[in-house]
C-alpha cells in the first residue's frame, strides 16, 4: 500500500470518526429534547386540567348566585361569555406552539377570572347567599382550584425553561435546525399586571 493510499485511508478514518461523534451527539440531543418536550406537554395537560376544573365550576356557581341575585343579568352574561371564550382557545392537550397562541390562551383565562371576580363582588350584596352550604362548598372548590392553577402554571414554566435551556445550549443549538419544527422554543406564562399583589378570592 502506497503512502498516498495510507494518507487517504487515514483521512477517511478521521472523517468517519467525526461523523460518528456528530451522529452520537445528534442522537443524544434529539432524545433529550424529546424527553423534555414530552415533559412540557405533560405539564401542559395538568394546566388544562385545573383550568377546566374552574370552567366546570362556573355553571353551578352562576346558578347558585342567580337564585338569590336575579337582577344581576349583566354579570351572569359576562361570566357565561367569558367561559365560552375559554372553550374556543383549548389547545387539545398540546402546549401552545407560539407566544401568540400562549397569549391568546392566557387572555381568555384572565377574562374568565376577571368575570368571576365581578360575580363574587355581586355576592357581597347578598349575605344570605354567602351563608348557604352550597355556596360555601363552591367557594372552597374555587379557592382550591385557583391555588392549583398557580402551582401548575409555575410547574409548566419550569418545564418549559428546562426545555428551552437545553434547546439553546451548545451543541444542541447547532443541531436543532435539522429536527425541523418539532423542537420549537416553548412559550411561558407571563405574570399579569399587579401579580406582585397576592390575589384574593373574597366572599
C-alpha atoms as a PDB file:
ATOM      1  CA  UNK A   1       0.000   0.000   0.000  1.00  0.00           C
ATOM      2  CA  UNK A   2       1.471   3.348  -1.050  1.00  0.00           C
ATOM      3  CA  UNK A   3       1.929   6.397   1.097  1.00  0.00           C
ATOM      4  CA  UNK A   4      -0.912   8.192  -0.707  1.00  0.00           C
ATOM      5  CA  UNK A   5      -3.269   5.309  -0.049  1.00  0.00           C
ATOM      6  CA  UNK A   6      -2.354   5.273   3.634  1.00  0.00           C
ATOM      7  CA  UNK A   7      -2.988   9.012   3.932  1.00  0.00           C
ATOM      8  CA  UNK A   8      -6.329   8.683   2.139  1.00  0.00           C
ATOM      9  CA  UNK A   9      -7.284   5.763   4.377  1.00  0.00           C
ATOM     10  CA  UNK A  10      -6.254   7.720   7.461  1.00  0.00           C
ATOM     11  CA  UNK A  11      -8.241  10.768   6.364  1.00  0.00           C
ATOM     12  CA  UNK A  12     -11.221   8.562   5.642  1.00  0.00           C
ATOM     13  CA  UNK A  13     -10.974   7.074   9.127  1.00  0.00           C
ATOM     14  CA  UNK A  14     -10.856  10.519  10.705  1.00  0.00           C
ATOM     15  CA  UNK A  15     -13.900  11.619   8.712  1.00  0.00           C
ATOM     16  CA  UNK A  16     -15.810   8.505   9.730  1.00  0.00           C
ATOM     17  CA  UNK A  17     -14.846   9.080  13.363  1.00  0.00           C
ATOM     18  CA  UNK A  18     -16.033  12.701  13.234  1.00  0.00           C
ATOM     19  CA  UNK A  19     -19.301  11.662  11.571  1.00  0.00           C
ATOM     20  CA  UNK A  20     -19.813   9.001  14.231  1.00  0.00           C
ATOM     21  CA  UNK A  21     -19.241  11.535  17.020  1.00  0.00           C
ATOM     22  CA  UNK A  22     -21.605  14.045  15.399  1.00  0.00           C
ATOM     23  CA  UNK A  23     -24.187  11.309  14.953  1.00  0.00           C
ATOM     24  CA  UNK A  24     -23.966  10.283  18.598  1.00  0.00           C
ATOM     25  CA  UNK A  25     -24.226  13.899  19.759  1.00  0.00           C
ATOM     26  CA  UNK A  26     -27.209  14.497  17.481  1.00  0.00           C
ATOM     27  CA  UNK A  27     -28.920  11.330  18.711  1.00  0.00           C
ATOM     28  CA  UNK A  28     -28.302  12.256  22.337  1.00  0.00           C
ATOM     29  CA  UNK A  29     -29.592  15.785  21.767  1.00  0.00           C
ATOM     30  CA  UNK A  30     -32.687  14.506  19.993  1.00  0.00           C
ATOM     31  CA  UNK A  31     -33.501  12.024  22.747  1.00  0.00           C
ATOM     32  CA  UNK A  32     -33.009  14.626  25.481  1.00  0.00           C
ATOM     33  CA  UNK A  33     -35.083  17.239  23.686  1.00  0.00           C
ATOM     34  CA  UNK A  34     -37.792  14.676  23.033  1.00  0.00           C
ATOM     35  CA  UNK A  35     -37.895  13.745  26.714  1.00  0.00           C
ATOM     36  CA  UNK A  36     -38.059  17.384  27.813  1.00  0.00           C
ATOM     37  CA  UNK A  37     -40.686  18.159  25.166  1.00  0.00           C
ATOM     38  CA  UNK A  38     -42.868  15.312  26.438  1.00  0.00           C
ATOM     39  CA  UNK A  39     -42.448  16.726  29.925  1.00  0.00           C
ATOM     40  CA  UNK A  40     -43.648  20.153  28.781  1.00  0.00           C
ATOM     41  CA  UNK A  41     -46.734  18.672  27.111  1.00  0.00           C
ATOM     42  CA  UNK A  42     -47.485  16.501  30.143  1.00  0.00           C
ATOM     43  CA  UNK A  43     -47.312  19.527  32.410  1.00  0.00           C
ATOM     44  CA  UNK A  44     -49.483  21.465  29.984  1.00  0.00           C
ATOM     45  CA  UNK A  45     -52.082  18.732  30.406  1.00  0.00           C
ATOM     46  CA  UNK A  46     -52.080  19.484  34.125  1.00  0.00           C
ATOM     47  CA  UNK A  47     -52.530  23.191  33.409  1.00  0.00           C
ATOM     48  CA  UNK A  48     -55.519  22.491  31.173  1.00  0.00           C
ATOM     49  CA  UNK A  49     -56.997  20.160  33.790  1.00  0.00           C
ATOM     50  CA  UNK A  50     -57.050  22.793  36.518  1.00  0.00           C
ATOM     51  CA  UNK A  51     -58.374  25.472  34.184  1.00  0.00           C
ATOM     52  CA  UNK A  52     -61.086  23.062  33.041  1.00  0.00           C
ATOM     53  CA  UNK A  53     -61.942  22.397  36.664  1.00  0.00           C
ATOM     54  CA  UNK A  54     -62.522  26.119  37.147  1.00  0.00           C
ATOM     55  CA  UNK A  55     -64.640  26.320  33.998  1.00  0.00           C
ATOM     56  CA  UNK A  56     -66.709  23.366  35.214  1.00  0.00           C
ATOM     57  CA  UNK A  57     -67.480  25.208  38.453  1.00  0.00           C
ATOM     58  CA  UNK A  58     -68.908  28.213  36.591  1.00  0.00           C
ATOM     59  CA  UNK A  59     -72.411  26.859  35.740  1.00  0.00           C
ATOM     60  CA  UNK A  60     -73.101  25.758  39.328  1.00  0.00           C
ATOM     61  CA  UNK A  61     -71.709  28.991  40.709  1.00  0.00           C
ATOM     62  CA  UNK A  62     -73.802  31.113  38.353  1.00  0.00           C
ATOM     63  CA  UNK A  63     -76.982  29.142  39.079  1.00  0.00           C
ATOM     64  CA  UNK A  64     -76.398  29.368  42.830  1.00  0.00           C
ATOM     65  CA  UNK A  65     -75.877  33.125  42.719  1.00  0.00           C
ATOM     66  CA  UNK A  66     -78.668  33.656  40.185  1.00  0.00           C
ATOM     67  CA  UNK A  67     -81.174  32.127  42.580  1.00  0.00           C
ATOM     68  CA  UNK A  68     -80.525  34.883  45.106  1.00  0.00           C
ATOM     69  CA  UNK A  69     -79.494  37.707  42.780  1.00  0.00           C
ATOM     70  CA  UNK A  70     -81.895  37.538  39.868  1.00  0.00           C
ATOM     71  CA  UNK A  71     -81.354  41.178  38.866  1.00  0.00           C
ATOM     72  CA  UNK A  72     -77.613  40.840  38.101  1.00  0.00           C
ATOM     73  CA  UNK A  73     -78.147  39.743  34.495  1.00  0.00           C
ATOM     74  CA  UNK A  74     -75.210  41.673  33.021  1.00  0.00           C
ATOM     75  CA  UNK A  75     -72.812  39.949  35.389  1.00  0.00           C
ATOM     76  CA  UNK A  76     -74.167  36.485  34.583  1.00  0.00           C
ATOM     77  CA  UNK A  77     -73.911  37.210  30.864  1.00  0.00           C
ATOM     78  CA  UNK A  78     -70.303  38.362  31.216  1.00  0.00           C
ATOM     79  CA  UNK A  79     -69.332  35.167  33.058  1.00  0.00           C
ATOM     80  CA  UNK A  80     -71.090  32.944  30.533  1.00  0.00           C
ATOM     81  CA  UNK A  81     -69.463  34.704  27.568  1.00  0.00           C
ATOM     82  CA  UNK A  82     -66.022  34.561  29.199  1.00  0.00           C
ATOM     83  CA  UNK A  83     -66.436  30.830  29.792  1.00  0.00           C
ATOM     84  CA  UNK A  84     -67.390  30.337  26.129  1.00  0.00           C
ATOM     85  CA  UNK A  85     -64.229  32.167  25.006  1.00  0.00           C
ATOM     86  CA  UNK A  86     -62.136  29.853  27.175  1.00  0.00           C
ATOM     87  CA  UNK A  87     -63.636  26.875  25.360  1.00  0.00           C
ATOM     88  CA  UNK A  88     -62.680  28.368  21.997  1.00  0.00           C
ATOM     89  CA  UNK A  89     -58.943  28.535  22.780  1.00  0.00           C
ATOM     90  CA  UNK A  90     -58.416  25.000  24.044  1.00  0.00           C
ATOM     91  CA  UNK A  91     -55.040  23.602  22.959  1.00  0.00           C
ATOM     92  CA  UNK A  92     -56.206  19.988  22.869  1.00  0.00           C
ATOM     93  CA  UNK A  93     -53.571  18.677  25.261  1.00  0.00           C
ATOM     94  CA  UNK A  94     -50.564  20.190  23.473  1.00  0.00           C
ATOM     95  CA  UNK A  95     -48.691  23.181  24.825  1.00  0.00           C
ATOM     96  CA  UNK A  96     -49.099  26.361  22.719  1.00  0.00           C
ATOM     97  CA  UNK A  97     -46.824  26.324  19.677  1.00  0.00           C
ATOM     98  CA  UNK A  98     -46.066  30.048  19.740  1.00  0.00           C
ATOM     99  CA  UNK A  99     -46.012  33.039  22.122  1.00  0.00           C
ATOM    100  CA  UNK A 100     -49.107  34.348  20.304  1.00  0.00           C
ATOM    101  CA  UNK A 101     -51.059  31.153  20.988  1.00  0.00           C
ATOM    102  CA  UNK A 102     -49.986  31.276  24.630  1.00  0.00           C
ATOM    103  CA  UNK A 103     -51.037  34.932  24.871  1.00  0.00           C
ATOM    104  CA  UNK A 104     -54.475  34.118  23.419  1.00  0.00           C
ATOM    105  CA  UNK A 105     -54.955  31.254  25.863  1.00  0.00           C
ATOM    106  CA  UNK A 106     -53.839  33.360  28.802  1.00  0.00           C
ATOM    107  CA  UNK A 107     -56.030  36.296  27.749  1.00  0.00           C
ATOM    108  CA  UNK A 108     -59.127  34.092  27.600  1.00  0.00           C
ATOM    109  CA  UNK A 109     -58.386  32.583  31.022  1.00  0.00           C
ATOM    110  CA  UNK A 110     -57.752  36.002  32.524  1.00  0.00           C
ATOM    111  CA  UNK A 111     -61.061  37.162  31.043  1.00  0.00           C
ATOM    112  CA  UNK A 112     -62.882  34.366  32.859  1.00  0.00           C
ATOM    113  CA  UNK A 113     -61.006  35.131  36.060  1.00  0.00           C
ATOM    114  CA  UNK A 114     -61.998  38.783  35.816  1.00  0.00           C
ATOM    115  CA  UNK A 115     -65.645  37.913  35.145  1.00  0.00           C
ATOM    116  CA  UNK A 116     -65.675  35.579  38.147  1.00  0.00           C
ATOM    117  CA  UNK A 117     -64.220  38.349  40.301  1.00  0.00           C
ATOM    118  CA  UNK A 118     -67.097  40.628  39.275  1.00  0.00           C
ATOM    119  CA  UNK A 119     -69.567  37.877  40.098  1.00  0.00           C
ATOM    120  CA  UNK A 120     -68.065  37.474  43.544  1.00  0.00           C
ATOM    121  CA  UNK A 121     -68.337  41.210  44.159  1.00  0.00           C
ATOM    122  CA  UNK A 122     -72.061  40.842  43.483  1.00  0.00           C
ATOM    123  CA  UNK A 123     -72.241  38.162  46.169  1.00  0.00           C
ATOM    124  CA  UNK A 124     -71.186  40.730  48.771  1.00  0.00           C
ATOM    125  CA  UNK A 125     -74.637  42.315  48.404  1.00  0.00           C
ATOM    126  CA  UNK A 126     -76.352  39.085  49.451  1.00  0.00           C
ATOM    127  CA  UNK A 127     -75.243  37.898  52.919  1.00  0.00           C
ATOM    128  CA  UNK A 128     -77.938  35.210  52.996  1.00  0.00           C
ATOM    129  CA  UNK A 129     -76.425  33.663  49.859  1.00  0.00           C
ATOM    130  CA  UNK A 130     -72.943  33.663  51.401  1.00  0.00           C
ATOM    131  CA  UNK A 131     -74.306  31.707  54.357  1.00  0.00           C
ATOM    132  CA  UNK A 132     -75.697  28.787  52.315  1.00  0.00           C
ATOM    133  CA  UNK A 133     -73.877  25.451  52.393  1.00  0.00           C
ATOM    134  CA  UNK A 134     -73.964  25.092  48.616  1.00  0.00           C
ATOM    135  CA  UNK A 135     -72.246  28.432  48.105  1.00  0.00           C
ATOM    136  CA  UNK A 136     -69.654  27.718  50.801  1.00  0.00           C
ATOM    137  CA  UNK A 137     -68.830  24.410  49.081  1.00  0.00           C
ATOM    138  CA  UNK A 138     -68.390  26.181  45.736  1.00  0.00           C
ATOM    139  CA  UNK A 139     -66.268  28.823  47.453  1.00  0.00           C
ATOM    140  CA  UNK A 140     -63.922  26.166  48.842  1.00  0.00           C
ATOM    141  CA  UNK A 141     -63.673  24.424  45.468  1.00  0.00           C
ATOM    142  CA  UNK A 142     -62.951  27.682  43.652  1.00  0.00           C
ATOM    143  CA  UNK A 143     -60.281  28.713  46.148  1.00  0.00           C
ATOM    144  CA  UNK A 144     -58.624  25.304  45.842  1.00  0.00           C
ATOM    145  CA  UNK A 145     -58.743  25.463  42.073  1.00  0.00           C
ATOM    146  CA  UNK A 146     -57.208  28.942  41.927  1.00  0.00           C
ATOM    147  CA  UNK A 147     -54.359  27.714  44.121  1.00  0.00           C
ATOM    148  CA  UNK A 148     -53.807  24.693  41.856  1.00  0.00           C
ATOM    149  CA  UNK A 149     -53.771  26.955  38.783  1.00  0.00           C
ATOM    150  CA  UNK A 150     -50.944  28.976  40.319  1.00  0.00           C
ATOM    151  CA  UNK A 151     -48.957  25.828  41.140  1.00  0.00           C
ATOM    152  CA  UNK A 152     -49.450  24.149  37.746  1.00  0.00           C
ATOM    153  CA  UNK A 153     -48.569  27.320  35.835  1.00  0.00           C
ATOM    154  CA  UNK A 154     -45.350  27.591  37.819  1.00  0.00           C
ATOM    155  CA  UNK A 155     -44.512  23.941  37.107  1.00  0.00           C
ATOM    156  CA  UNK A 156     -45.245  24.429  33.418  1.00  0.00           C
ATOM    157  CA  UNK A 157     -42.884  27.410  33.260  1.00  0.00           C
ATOM    158  CA  UNK A 158     -40.204  25.318  34.965  1.00  0.00           C
ATOM    159  CA  UNK A 159     -40.647  22.503  32.420  1.00  0.00           C
ATOM    160  CA  UNK A 160     -40.584  24.996  29.524  1.00  0.00           C
ATOM    161  CA  UNK A 161     -37.458  26.622  30.928  1.00  0.00           C
ATOM    162  CA  UNK A 162     -35.676  23.260  31.194  1.00  0.00           C
ATOM    163  CA  UNK A 163     -36.557  22.510  27.580  1.00  0.00           C
ATOM    164  CA  UNK A 164     -35.528  25.940  26.283  1.00  0.00           C
ATOM    165  CA  UNK A 165     -32.262  25.859  28.226  1.00  0.00           C
ATOM    166  CA  UNK A 166     -31.322  22.527  26.669  1.00  0.00           C
ATOM    167  CA  UNK A 167     -32.529  23.597  23.222  1.00  0.00           C
ATOM    168  CA  UNK A 168     -30.423  26.769  23.256  1.00  0.00           C
ATOM    169  CA  UNK A 169     -27.282  25.256  24.767  1.00  0.00           C
ATOM    170  CA  UNK A 170     -24.219  24.192  22.794  1.00  0.00           C
ATOM    171  CA  UNK A 171     -24.008  21.911  20.830  1.00  0.00           C
ATOM    172  CA  UNK A 172     -27.781  21.296  20.700  1.00  0.00           C
ATOM    173  CA  UNK A 173     -28.468  24.777  19.331  1.00  0.00           C
ATOM    174  CA  UNK A 174     -26.239  23.918  16.344  1.00  0.00           C
ATOM    175  CA  UNK A 175     -28.250  20.777  15.589  1.00  0.00           C
ATOM    176  CA  UNK A 176     -31.830  21.744  16.413  1.00  0.00           C
ATOM    177  CA  UNK A 177     -32.436  23.125  12.914  1.00  0.00           C
ATOM    178  CA  UNK A 178     -32.035  19.624  11.490  1.00  0.00           C
ATOM    179  CA  UNK A 179     -35.036  18.467  13.528  1.00  0.00           C
ATOM    180  CA  UNK A 180     -37.446  20.834  11.759  1.00  0.00           C
ATOM    181  CA  UNK A 181     -40.293  22.440  13.708  1.00  0.00           C
ATOM    182  CA  UNK A 182     -40.512  19.577  16.168  1.00  0.00           C
ATOM    183  CA  UNK A 183     -38.473  21.332  18.817  1.00  0.00           C
ATOM    184  CA  UNK A 184     -39.556  24.968  18.590  1.00  0.00           C
ATOM    185  CA  UNK A 185     -38.856  27.145  21.615  1.00  0.00           C
ATOM    186  CA  UNK A 186     -41.589  26.949  24.244  1.00  0.00           C
ATOM    187  CA  UNK A 187     -43.601  29.958  25.405  1.00  0.00           C
ATOM    188  CA  UNK A 188     -44.074  30.836  29.071  1.00  0.00           C
ATOM    189  CA  UNK A 189     -46.981  32.035  31.128  1.00  0.00           C
ATOM    190  CA  UNK A 190     -46.415  35.686  31.913  1.00  0.00           C
ATOM    191  CA  UNK A 191     -47.381  37.380  35.134  1.00  0.00           C
ATOM    192  CA  UNK A 192     -50.458  39.565  34.992  1.00  0.00           C
ATOM    193  CA  UNK A 193     -50.123  43.273  35.762  1.00  0.00           C
ATOM    194  CA  UNK A 194     -50.280  43.612  39.533  1.00  0.00           C
ATOM    195  CA  UNK A 195     -49.162  39.996  40.043  1.00  0.00           C
ATOM    196  CA  UNK A 196     -46.864  41.202  42.815  1.00  0.00           C
ATOM    197  CA  UNK A 197     -50.017  41.651  44.911  1.00  0.00           C
ATOM    198  CA  UNK A 198     -51.414  38.397  46.274  1.00  0.00           C
ATOM    199  CA  UNK A 199     -54.783  37.552  44.646  1.00  0.00           C
ATOM    200  CA  UNK A 200     -57.839  37.234  46.843  1.00  0.00           C
ATOM    201  CA  UNK A 201     -60.940  35.125  46.350  1.00  0.00           C
ATOM    202  CA  UNK A 202     -63.134  37.147  48.661  1.00  0.00           C
ATOM    203  CA  UNK A 203     -66.741  36.354  49.502  1.00  0.00           C
END
